Amino acid sequence: MIAKVSDREFDTVIARSAVPVLIQFWKPGCGGCRALTRQLEQLQTEVRGKVLILTMNVEENFQIPSELEISSLPALALYRQGHFERFIGGMGTKDEILKQLVL
């Protein structure tokens, strides 16, 4: 299972992570979000210790999605060394996502 992150703890988690952080922004009832979550769960076992994968429910958390101007879901944001790097295509297979991470 992928760990959840909230607006309140977001900055601290990102700043303290020694590895890149990949965050999935999602909402309940989103079919594409569920499909992406399954891919991320598989990817998580391959990148353990190299990338921290987290999820954020946009219906419960508004600040970070608003700051990032997220307008469609699912969305994946990559952070390195505490800073936003870029968005990664929201849909795809674990292999496609892994290629975009450039570890």
PDB file of N, CA and C in Angstrom:
ATOM      1  N   MET A   1       0.834  -1.182   0.000  1.00  0.00           N
ATOM      2  CA  MET A   1       0.000   0.000   0.000  1.00  0.00           C
ATOM      3  C   MET A   1       0.883   1.252   0.000  1.00  0.00           C
ATOM      4  N   ILE A   2       0.458   2.228  -0.738  1.00  0.00           N
ATOM      5  CA  ILE A   2       1.213   3.473  -0.854  1.00  0.00           C
ATOM      6  C   ILE A   2       0.814   4.410   0.282  1.00  0.00           C
ATOM      7  N   ALA A   3       1.798   5.027   0.896  1.00  0.00           N
ATOM      8  CA  ALA A   3       1.547   5.944   2.012  1.00  0.00           C
ATOM      9  C   ALA A   3       0.850   7.211   1.529  1.00  0.00           C
ATOM     10  N   LYS A   4       0.032   7.784   2.406  1.00  0.00           N
ATOM     11  CA  LYS A   4      -0.689   9.023   2.117  1.00  0.00           C
ATOM     12  C   LYS A   4       0.065  10.200   2.704  1.00  0.00           C
ATOM     13  N   VAL A   5      -0.103  11.357   2.070  1.00  0.00           N
ATOM     14  CA  VAL A   5       0.469  12.593   2.586  1.00  0.00           C
ATOM     15  C   VAL A   5      -0.623  13.661   2.533  1.00  0.00           C
ATOM     16  N   SER A   6      -0.610  14.551   3.510  1.00  0.00           N
ATOM     17  CA  SER A   6      -1.613  15.623   3.569  1.00  0.00           C
ATOM     18  C   SER A   6      -0.937  16.975   3.341  1.00  0.00           C
ATOM     19  N   ASP A   7      -1.769  17.990   3.121  1.00  0.00           N
ATOM     20  CA  ASP A   7      -1.248  19.357   2.985  1.00  0.00           C
ATOM     21  C   ASP A   7      -0.379  19.733   4.173  1.00  0.00           C
ATOM     22  N   ARG A   8      -0.826  19.359   5.366  1.00  0.00           N
ATOM     23  CA  ARG A   8      -0.163  19.755   6.608  1.00  0.00           C
ATOM     24  C   ARG A   8       1.266  19.224   6.703  1.00  0.00           C
ATOM     25  N   GLU A   9       1.488  18.006   6.299  1.00  0.00           N
ATOM     26  CA  GLU A   9       2.817  17.393   6.439  1.00  0.00           C
ATOM     27  C   GLU A   9       3.648  17.395   5.162  1.00  0.00           C
ATOM     28  N   PHE A  10       3.070  17.859   4.085  1.00  0.00           N
ATOM     29  CA  PHE A  10       3.698  17.789   2.772  1.00  0.00           C
ATOM     30  C   PHE A  10       5.104  18.388   2.740  1.00  0.00           C
ATOM     31  N   ASP A  11       5.240  19.649   3.123  1.00  0.00           N
ATOM     32  CA  ASP A  11       6.537  20.330   3.038  1.00  0.00           C
ATOM     33  C   ASP A  11       7.606  19.624   3.862  1.00  0.00           C
ATOM     34  N   THR A  12       7.242  19.145   5.025  1.00  0.00           N
ATOM     35  CA  THR A  12       8.206  18.450   5.885  1.00  0.00           C
ATOM     36  C   THR A  12       8.654  17.141   5.258  1.00  0.00           C
ATOM     37  N   VAL A  13       7.720  16.369   4.741  1.00  0.00           N
ATOM     38  CA  VAL A  13       8.049  15.082   4.118  1.00  0.00           C
ATOM     39  C   VAL A  13       8.957  15.292   2.911  1.00  0.00           C
ATOM     40  N   ILE A  14       8.620  16.254   2.075  1.00  0.00           N
ATOM     41  CA  ILE A  14       9.420  16.530   0.868  1.00  0.00           C
ATOM     42  C   ILE A  14      10.822  16.992   1.263  1.00  0.00           C
ATOM     43  N   ALA A  15      10.915  17.896   2.209  1.00  0.00           N
ATOM     44  CA  ALA A  15      12.211  18.453   2.604  1.00  0.00           C
ATOM     45  C   ALA A  15      13.120  17.413   3.249  1.00  0.00           C
ATOM     46  N   ARG A  16      12.551  16.489   3.984  1.00  0.00           N
ATOM     47  CA  ARG A  16      13.361  15.508   4.712  1.00  0.00           C
ATOM     48  C   ARG A  16      13.714  14.266   3.909  1.00  0.00           C
ATOM     49  N   SER A  17      13.121  14.089   2.755  1.00  0.00           N
ATOM     50  CA  SER A  17      13.364  12.872   1.990  1.00  0.00           C
ATOM     51  C   SER A  17      14.759  12.882   1.370  1.00  0.00           C
ATOM     52  N   ALA A  18      15.494  11.816   1.603  1.00  0.00           N
ATOM     53  CA  ALA A  18      16.843  11.668   1.039  1.00  0.00           C
ATOM     54  C   ALA A  18      16.790  11.169  -0.399  1.00  0.00           C
ATOM     55  N   VAL A  19      15.603  10.762  -0.854  1.00  0.00           N
ATOM     56  CA  VAL A  19      15.426  10.251  -2.214  1.00  0.00           C
ATOM     57  C   VAL A  19      14.361  11.078  -2.916  1.00  0.00           C
ATOM     58  N   PRO A  20      14.294  11.012  -4.245  1.00  0.00           N
ATOM     59  CA  PRO A  20      13.215  11.715  -4.952  1.00  0.00           C
ATOM     60  C   PRO A  20      11.846  11.250  -4.451  1.00  0.00           C
ATOM     61  N   VAL A  21      10.859  12.138  -4.532  1.00  0.00           N
ATOM     62  CA  VAL A  21       9.508  11.832  -4.086  1.00  0.00           C
ATOM     63  C   VAL A  21       8.561  11.959  -5.277  1.00  0.00           C
ATOM     64  N   LEU A  22       7.791  10.909  -5.501  1.00  0.00           N
ATOM     65  CA  LEU A  22       6.784  10.889  -6.559  1.00  0.00           C
ATOM     66  C   LEU A  22       5.417  10.883  -5.883  1.00  0.00           C
ATOM     67  N   ILE A  23       4.598  11.891  -6.199  1.00  0.00           N
ATOM     68  CA  ILE A  23       3.300  12.016  -5.549  1.00  0.00           C
ATOM     69  C   ILE A  23       2.183  11.885  -6.577  1.00  0.00           C
ATOM     70  N   GLN A  24       1.251  10.987  -6.265  1.00  0.00           N
ATOM     71  CA  GLN A  24       0.070  10.837  -7.096  1.00  0.00           C
ATOM     72  C   GLN A  24      -1.059  11.650  -6.482  1.00  0.00           C
ATOM     73  N   PHE A  25      -1.625  12.535  -7.273  1.00  0.00           N
ATOM     74  CA  PHE A  25      -2.798  13.292  -6.862  1.00  0.00           C
ATOM     75  C   PHE A  25      -4.013  12.583  -7.452  1.00  0.00           C
ATOM     76  N   TRP A  26      -4.997  12.291  -6.604  1.00  0.00           N
ATOM     77  CA  TRP A  26      -6.143  11.484  -7.022  1.00  0.00           C
ATOM     78  C   TRP A  26      -7.391  11.890  -6.256  1.00  0.00           C
ATOM     79  N   LYS A  27      -8.516  11.315  -6.662  1.00  0.00           N
ATOM     80  CA  LYS A  27      -9.755  11.486  -5.899  1.00  0.00           C
ATOM     81  C   LYS A  27     -10.568  10.208  -6.003  1.00  0.00           C
ATOM     82  N   PRO A  28     -11.389   9.938  -4.987  1.00  0.00           N
ATOM     83  CA  PRO A  28     -12.244   8.761  -5.010  1.00  0.00           C
ATOM     84  C   PRO A  28     -13.179   8.798  -6.220  1.00  0.00           C
ATOM     85  N   GLY A  29     -13.434   7.639  -6.767  1.00  0.00           N
ATOM     86  CA  GLY A  29     -14.336   7.543  -7.913  1.00  0.00           C
ATOM     87  C   GLY A  29     -13.658   7.754  -9.255  1.00  0.00           C
ATOM     88  N   CYS A  30     -12.399   8.053  -9.275  1.00  0.00           N
ATOM     89  CA  CYS A  30     -11.646   8.286 -10.510  1.00  0.00           C
ATOM     90  C   CYS A  30     -11.066   6.949 -10.986  1.00  0.00           C
ATOM     91  N   GLY A  31     -11.615   6.419 -12.073  1.00  0.00           N
ATOM     92  CA  GLY A  31     -11.155   5.136 -12.595  1.00  0.00           C
ATOM     93  C   GLY A  31      -9.696   5.154 -13.010  1.00  0.00           C
ATOM     94  N   GLY A  32      -9.278   6.221 -13.660  1.00  0.00           N
ATOM     95  CA  GLY A  32      -7.879   6.350 -14.068  1.00  0.00           C
ATOM     96  C   GLY A  32      -6.948   6.404 -12.866  1.00  0.00           C
ATOM     97  N   CYS A  33      -7.435   7.000 -11.791  1.00  0.00           N
ATOM     98  CA  CYS A  33      -6.641   7.077 -10.560  1.00  0.00           C
ATOM     99  C   CYS A  33      -6.425   5.690  -9.971  1.00  0.00           C
ATOM    100  N   ARG A  34      -7.486   4.889  -9.963  1.00  0.00           N
ATOM    101  CA  ARG A  34      -7.363   3.518  -9.436  1.00  0.00           C
ATOM    102  C   ARG A  34      -6.381   2.704 -10.274  1.00  0.00           C
ATOM    103  N   ALA A  35      -6.465   2.846 -11.599  1.00  0.00           N
ATOM    104  CA  ALA A  35      -5.560   2.108 -12.478  1.00  0.00           C
ATOM    105  C   ALA A  35      -4.110   2.531 -12.238  1.00  0.00           C
ATOM    106  N   LEU A  36      -3.885   3.821 -12.090  1.00  0.00           N
ATOM    107  CA  LEU A  36      -2.531   4.314 -11.846  1.00  0.00           C
ATOM    108  C   LEU A  36      -2.018   3.856 -10.487  1.00  0.00           C
ATOM    109  N   THR A  37      -2.879   3.818  -9.496  1.00  0.00           N
ATOM    110  CA  THR A  37      -2.473   3.352  -8.172  1.00  0.00           C
ATOM    111  C   THR A  37      -1.949   1.925  -8.247  1.00  0.00           C
ATOM    112  N   ARG A  38      -2.612   1.066  -9.002  1.00  0.00           N
ATOM    113  CA  ARG A  38      -2.142  -0.322  -9.148  1.00  0.00           C
ATOM    114  C   ARG A  38      -0.749  -0.368  -9.769  1.00  0.00           C
ATOM    115  N   GLN A  39      -0.502   0.475 -10.775  1.00  0.00           N
ATOM    116  CA  GLN A  39       0.818   0.527 -11.403  1.00  0.00           C
ATOM    117  C   GLN A  39       1.870   1.036 -10.420  1.00  0.00           C
ATOM    118  N   LEU A  40       1.513   2.048  -9.642  1.00  0.00           N
ATOM    119  CA  LEU A  40       2.452   2.611  -8.662  1.00  0.00           C
ATOM    120  C   LEU A  40       2.761   1.610  -7.549  1.00  0.00           C
ATOM    121  N   GLU A  41       1.773   0.819  -7.160  1.00  0.00           N
ATOM    122  CA  GLU A  41       2.026  -0.206  -6.136  1.00  0.00           C
ATOM    123  C   GLU A  41       3.052  -1.222  -6.635  1.00  0.00           C
ATOM    124  N   GLN A  42       2.970  -1.581  -7.911  1.00  0.00           N
ATOM    125  CA  GLN A  42       3.953  -2.497  -8.490  1.00  0.00           C
ATOM    126  C   GLN A  42       5.319  -1.826  -8.592  1.00  0.00           C
ATOM    127  N   LEU A  43       5.316  -0.575  -9.007  1.00  0.00           N
ATOM    128  CA  LEU A  43       6.567   0.175  -9.144  1.00  0.00           C
ATOM    129  C   LEU A  43       7.251   0.356  -7.796  1.00  0.00           C
ATOM    130  N   GLN A  44       6.468   0.539  -6.756  1.00  0.00           N
ATOM    131  CA  GLN A  44       7.012   0.791  -5.426  1.00  0.00           C
ATOM    132  C   GLN A  44       7.971  -0.320  -4.987  1.00  0.00           C
ATOM    133  N   THR A  45       7.662  -1.544  -5.311  1.00  0.00           N
ATOM    134  CA  THR A  45       8.543  -2.649  -4.914  1.00  0.00           C
ATOM    135  C   THR A  45       9.876  -2.592  -5.662  1.00  0.00           C
ATOM    136  N   GLU A  46       9.870  -2.058  -6.884  1.00  0.00           N
ATOM    137  CA  GLU A  46      11.093  -1.972  -7.683  1.00  0.00           C
ATOM    138  C   GLU A  46      11.992  -0.801  -7.283  1.00  0.00           C
ATOM    139  N   VAL A  47      11.402   0.274  -6.791  1.00  0.00           N
ATOM    140  CA  VAL A  47      12.187   1.483  -6.504  1.00  0.00           C
ATOM    141  C   VAL A  47      12.357   1.747  -5.013  1.00  0.00           C
ATOM    142  N   ARG A  48      11.975   0.780  -4.195  1.00  0.00           N
ATOM    143  CA  ARG A  48      12.090   0.953  -2.735  1.00  0.00           C
ATOM    144  C   ARG A  48      13.515   1.377  -2.376  1.00  0.00           C
ATOM    145  N   GLY A  49      13.633   2.440  -1.607  1.00  0.00           N
ATOM    146  CA  GLY A  49      14.935   2.962  -1.207  1.00  0.00           C
ATOM    147  C   GLY A  49      15.526   3.943  -2.208  1.00  0.00           C
ATOM    148  N   LYS A  50      14.935   4.033  -3.412  1.00  0.00           N
ATOM    149  CA  LYS A  50      15.422   4.954  -4.444  1.00  0.00           C
ATOM    150  C   LYS A  50      14.445   6.093  -4.706  1.00  0.00           C
ATOM    151  N   VAL A  51      13.164   5.815  -4.525  1.00  0.00           N
ATOM    152  CA  VAL A  51      12.101   6.805  -4.728  1.00  0.00           C
ATOM    153  C   VAL A  51      11.037   6.570  -3.665  1.00  0.00           C
ATOM    154  N   LEU A  52      10.550   7.642  -3.073  1.00  0.00           N
ATOM    155  CA  LEU A  52       9.447   7.572  -2.130  1.00  0.00           C
ATOM    156  C   LEU A  52       8.168   7.886  -2.903  1.00  0.00           C
ATOM    157  N   ILE A  53       7.226   6.948  -2.916  1.00  0.00           N
ATOM    158  CA  ILE A  53       5.964   7.150  -3.619  1.00  0.00           C
ATOM    159  C   ILE A  53       4.875   7.417  -2.588  1.00  0.00           C
ATOM    160  N   LEU A  54       4.140   8.513  -2.801  1.00  0.00           N
ATOM    161  CA  LEU A  54       3.074   8.930  -1.891  1.00  0.00           C
ATOM    162  C   LEU A  54       1.823   9.257  -2.690  1.00  0.00           C
ATOM    163  N   THR A  55       0.678   9.289  -2.003  1.00  0.00           N
ATOM    164  CA  THR A  55      -0.572   9.708  -2.636  1.00  0.00           C
ATOM    165  C   THR A  55      -1.183  10.849  -1.853  1.00  0.00           C
ATOM    166  N   MET A  56      -1.928  11.712  -2.573  1.00  0.00           N
ATOM    167  CA  MET A  56      -2.656  12.800  -1.930  1.00  0.00           C
ATOM    168  C   MET A  56      -4.056  12.869  -2.532  1.00  0.00           C
ATOM    169  N   ASN A  57      -5.060  12.740  -1.670  1.00  0.00           N
ATOM    170  CA  ASN A  57      -6.454  12.844  -2.069  1.00  0.00           C
ATOM    171  C   ASN A  57      -6.798  14.327  -2.195  1.00  0.00           C
ATOM    172  N   VAL A  58      -7.152  14.760  -3.402  1.00  0.00           N
ATOM    173  CA  VAL A  58      -7.401  16.185  -3.638  1.00  0.00           C
ATOM    174  C   VAL A  58      -8.743  16.651  -3.086  1.00  0.00           C
ATOM    175  N   GLU A  59      -9.609  15.710  -2.708  1.00  0.00           N
ATOM    176  CA  GLU A  59     -10.872  16.109  -2.089  1.00  0.00           C
ATOM    177  C   GLU A  59     -10.691  16.413  -0.604  1.00  0.00           C
ATOM    178  N   GLU A  60      -9.606  15.920  -0.021  1.00  0.00           N
ATOM    179  CA  GLU A  60      -9.317  16.164   1.392  1.00  0.00           C
ATOM    180  C   GLU A  60      -8.210  17.203   1.576  1.00  0.00           C
ATOM    181  N   ASN A  61      -7.446  17.447   0.536  1.00  0.00           N
ATOM    182  CA  ASN A  61      -6.301  18.366   0.594  1.00  0.00           C
ATOM    183  C   ASN A  61      -6.399  19.327  -0.586  1.00  0.00           C
ATOM    184  N   PHE A  62      -6.388  20.618  -0.297  1.00  0.00           N
ATOM    185  CA  PHE A  62      -6.598  21.620  -1.339  1.00  0.00           C
ATOM    186  C   PHE A  62      -5.369  22.478  -1.624  1.00  0.00           C
ATOM    187  N   GLN A  63      -4.557  22.722  -0.616  1.00  0.00           N
ATOM    188  CA  GLN A  63      -3.464  23.680  -0.732  1.00  0.00           C
ATOM    189  C   GLN A  63      -2.434  23.275  -1.789  1.00  0.00           C
ATOM    190  N   ILE A  64      -1.844  22.101  -1.660  1.00  0.00           N
ATOM    191  CA  ILE A  64      -0.781  21.682  -2.577  1.00  0.00           C
ATOM    192  C   ILE A  64      -1.312  21.518  -3.995  1.00  0.00           C
ATOM    193  N   PRO A  65      -2.439  20.828  -4.210  1.00  0.00           N
ATOM    194  CA  PRO A  65      -2.959  20.739  -5.578  1.00  0.00           C
ATOM    195  C   PRO A  65      -3.224  22.112  -6.195  1.00  0.00           C
ATOM    196  N   SER A  66      -3.686  23.048  -5.375  1.00  0.00           N
ATOM    197  CA  SER A  66      -3.934  24.402  -5.872  1.00  0.00           C
ATOM    198  C   SER A  66      -2.626  25.099  -6.243  1.00  0.00           C
ATOM    199  N   GLU A  67      -1.616  24.984  -5.391  1.00  0.00           N
ATOM    200  CA  GLU A  67      -0.321  25.604  -5.674  1.00  0.00           C
ATOM    201  C   GLU A  67       0.285  25.057  -6.965  1.00  0.00           C
ATOM    202  N   LEU A  68       0.062  23.775  -7.224  1.00  0.00           N
ATOM    203  CA  LEU A  68       0.601  23.147  -8.436  1.00  0.00           C
ATOM    204  C   LEU A  68      -0.311  23.323  -9.645  1.00  0.00           C
ATOM    205  N   GLU A  69      -1.465  23.946  -9.415  1.00  0.00           N
ATOM    206  CA  GLU A  69      -2.454  24.185 -10.470  1.00  0.00           C
ATOM    207  C   GLU A  69      -2.860  22.890 -11.168  1.00  0.00           C
ATOM    208  N   ILE A  70      -3.120  21.871 -10.378  1.00  0.00           N
ATOM    209  CA  ILE A  70      -3.542  20.583 -10.927  1.00  0.00           C
ATOM    210  C   ILE A  70      -4.990  20.711 -11.391  1.00  0.00           C
ATOM    211  N   SER A  71      -5.214  20.420 -12.666  1.00  0.00           N
ATOM    212  CA  SER A  71      -6.556  20.573 -13.223  1.00  0.00           C
ATOM    213  C   SER A  71      -7.138  19.270 -13.740  1.00  0.00           C
ATOM    214  N   SER A  72      -6.326  18.229 -13.867  1.00  0.00           N
ATOM    215  CA  SER A  72      -6.855  16.938 -14.298  1.00  0.00           C
ATOM    216  C   SER A  72      -6.195  15.827 -13.490  1.00  0.00           C
ATOM    217  N   LEU A  73      -6.944  14.761 -13.316  1.00  0.00           N
ATOM    218  CA  LEU A  73      -6.473  13.645 -12.504  1.00  0.00           C
ATOM    219  C   LEU A  73      -6.505  12.364 -13.319  1.00  0.00           C
ATOM    220  N   PRO A  74      -5.643  11.436 -12.979  1.00  0.00           N
ATOM    221  CA  PRO A  74      -4.609  11.513 -11.960  1.00  0.00           C
ATOM    222  C   PRO A  74      -3.450  12.377 -12.437  1.00  0.00           C
ATOM    223  N   ALA A  75      -2.676  12.853 -11.492  1.00  0.00           N
ATOM    224  CA  ALA A  75      -1.482  13.639 -11.808  1.00  0.00           C
ATOM    225  C   ALA A  75      -0.330  13.111 -10.959  1.00  0.00           C
ATOM    226  N   LEU A  76       0.850  13.105 -11.536  1.00  0.00           N
ATOM    227  CA  LEU A  76       2.060  12.673 -10.831  1.00  0.00           C
ATOM    228  C   LEU A  76       3.054  13.815 -10.815  1.00  0.00           C
ATOM    229  N   ALA A  77       3.530  14.174  -9.636  1.00  0.00           N
ATOM    230  CA  ALA A  77       4.531  15.238  -9.499  1.00  0.00           C
ATOM    231  C   ALA A  77       5.802  14.640  -8.905  1.00  0.00           C
ATOM    232  N   LEU A  78       6.928  15.034  -9.464  1.00  0.00           N
ATOM    233  CA  LEU A  78       8.224  14.546  -9.010  1.00  0.00           C
ATOM    234  C   LEU A  78       8.969  15.672  -8.302  1.00  0.00           C
ATOM    235  N   TYR A  79       9.465  15.360  -7.111  1.00  0.00           N
ATOM    236  CA  TYR A  79      10.261  16.292  -6.315  1.00  0.00           C
ATOM    237  C   TYR A  79      11.638  15.692  -6.101  1.00  0.00           C
ATOM    238  N   ARG A  80      12.658  16.515  -6.210  1.00  0.00           N
ATOM    239  CA  ARG A  80      14.032  16.098  -5.911  1.00  0.00           C
ATOM    240  C   ARG A  80      14.654  17.141  -4.992  1.00  0.00           C
ATOM    241  N   GLN A  81      15.348  16.682  -3.993  1.00  0.00           N
ATOM    242  CA  GLN A  81      16.046  17.532  -3.039  1.00  0.00           C
ATOM    243  C   GLN A  81      15.133  18.631  -2.488  1.00  0.00           C
ATOM    244  N   GLY A  82      13.894  18.251  -2.219  1.00  0.00           N
ATOM    245  CA  GLY A  82      12.950  19.168  -1.596  1.00  0.00           C
ATOM    246  C   GLY A  82      12.252  20.137  -2.519  1.00  0.00           C
ATOM    247  N   HIS A  83      12.503  20.045  -3.833  1.00  0.00           N
ATOM    248  CA  HIS A  83      11.933  21.007  -4.775  1.00  0.00           C
ATOM    249  C   HIS A  83      11.165  20.306  -5.889  1.00  0.00           C
ATOM    250  N   PHE A  84      10.073  20.951  -6.313  1.00  0.00           N
ATOM    251  CA  PHE A  84       9.306  20.437  -7.442  1.00  0.00           C
ATOM    252  C   PHE A  84      10.203  20.406  -8.669  1.00  0.00           C
ATOM    253  N   GLU A  85      10.229  19.260  -9.339  1.00  0.00           N
ATOM    254  CA  GLU A  85      11.010  19.149 -10.568  1.00  0.00           C
ATOM    255  C   GLU A  85      10.112  19.235 -11.796  1.00  0.00           C
ATOM    256  N   ARG A  86       9.085  18.354 -11.839  1.00  0.00           N
ATOM    257  CA  ARG A  86       8.206  18.352 -13.005  1.00  0.00           C
ATOM    258  C   ARG A  86       7.057  17.382 -12.789  1.00  0.00           C
ATOM    259  N   PHE A  87       6.090  17.504 -13.682  1.00  0.00           N
ATOM    260  CA  PHE A  87       5.008  16.534 -13.716  1.00  0.00           C
ATOM    261  C   PHE A  87       5.430  15.379 -14.611  1.00  0.00           C
ATOM    262  N   ILE A  88       4.971  14.211 -14.261  1.00  0.00           N
ATOM    263  CA  ILE A  88       5.167  13.019 -15.075  1.00  0.00           C
ATOM    264  C   ILE A  88       3.790  12.650 -15.584  1.00  0.00           C
ATOM    265  N   GLY A  89       3.695  12.233 -16.828  1.00  0.00           N
ATOM    266  CA  GLY A  89       2.408  11.865 -17.409  1.00  0.00           C
ATOM    267  C   GLY A  89       1.563  11.069 -16.432  1.00  0.00           C
ATOM    268  N   GLY A  90       0.318  11.459 -16.252  1.00  0.00           N
ATOM    269  CA  GLY A  90      -0.554  10.874 -15.247  1.00  0.00           C
ATOM    270  C   GLY A  90      -0.948   9.435 -15.479  1.00  0.00           C
ATOM    271  N   MET A  91      -0.926   8.987 -16.701  1.00  0.00           N
ATOM    272  CA  MET A  91      -1.304   7.606 -16.977  1.00  0.00           C
ATOM    273  C   MET A  91      -0.099   6.873 -17.541  1.00  0.00           C
ATOM    274  N   GLY A  92      -0.119   5.589 -17.401  1.00  0.00           N
ATOM    275  CA  GLY A  92       0.962   4.800 -17.960  1.00  0.00           C
ATOM    276  C   GLY A  92       1.217   3.550 -17.162  1.00  0.00           C
ATOM    277  N   THR A  93       2.109   2.761 -17.696  1.00  0.00           N
ATOM    278  CA  THR A  93       2.484   1.542 -16.994  1.00  0.00           C
ATOM    279  C   THR A  93       3.643   1.848 -16.062  1.00  0.00           C
ATOM    280  N   LYS A  94       3.893   0.929 -15.160  1.00  0.00           N
ATOM    281  CA  LYS A  94       4.994   1.137 -14.222  1.00  0.00           C
ATOM    282  C   LYS A  94       6.308   1.286 -14.976  1.00  0.00           C
ATOM    283  N   ASP A  95       6.479   0.560 -16.083  1.00  0.00           N
ATOM    284  CA  ASP A  95       7.717   0.666 -16.859  1.00  0.00           C
ATOM    285  C   ASP A  95       7.864   2.050 -17.500  1.00  0.00           C
ATOM    286  N   GLU A  96       6.757   2.606 -18.011  1.00  0.00           N
ATOM    287  CA  GLU A  96       6.798   3.951 -18.593  1.00  0.00           C
ATOM    288  C   GLU A  96       7.133   4.995 -17.532  1.00  0.00           C
ATOM    289  N   ILE A  97       6.536   4.845 -16.372  1.00  0.00           N
ATOM    290  CA  ILE A  97       6.794   5.785 -15.284  1.00  0.00           C
ATOM    291  C   ILE A  97       8.249   5.679 -14.831  1.00  0.00           C
ATOM    292  N   LEU A  98       8.747   4.466 -14.710  1.00  0.00           N
ATOM    293  CA  LEU A  98      10.132   4.240 -14.297  1.00  0.00           C
ATOM    294  C   LEU A  98      11.108   4.918 -15.260  1.00  0.00           C
ATOM    295  N   LYS A  99      10.849   4.832 -16.555  1.00  0.00           N
ATOM    296  CA  LYS A  99      11.715   5.483 -17.546  1.00  0.00           C
ATOM    297  C   LYS A  99      11.737   6.998 -17.351  1.00  0.00           C
ATOM    298  N   GLN A 100      10.589   7.570 -16.980  1.00  0.00           N
ATOM    299  CA  GLN A 100      10.504   9.025 -16.792  1.00  0.00           C
ATOM    300  C   GLN A 100      11.175   9.496 -15.504  1.00  0.00           C
ATOM    301  N   LEU A 101      11.359   8.590 -14.564  1.00  0.00           N
ATOM    302  CA  LEU A 101      12.000   8.976 -13.298  1.00  0.00           C
ATOM    303  C   LEU A 101      13.473   9.261 -13.454  1.00  0.00           C
ATOM    304  N   VAL A 102      14.128   8.649 -14.405  1.00  0.00           N
ATOM    305  CA  VAL A 102      15.555   8.832 -14.667  1.00  0.00           C
ATOM    306  C   VAL A 102      16.356   8.724 -13.377  1.00  0.00           C
ATOM    307  N   LEU A 103      16.401   7.538 -12.847  1.00  0.00           N
ATOM    308  CA  LEU A 103      17.126   7.312 -11.601  1.00  0.00           C
ATOM    309  C   LEU A 103      18.559   7.183 -11.952  1.00  0.00           C
TER     310      LEU A 103
END
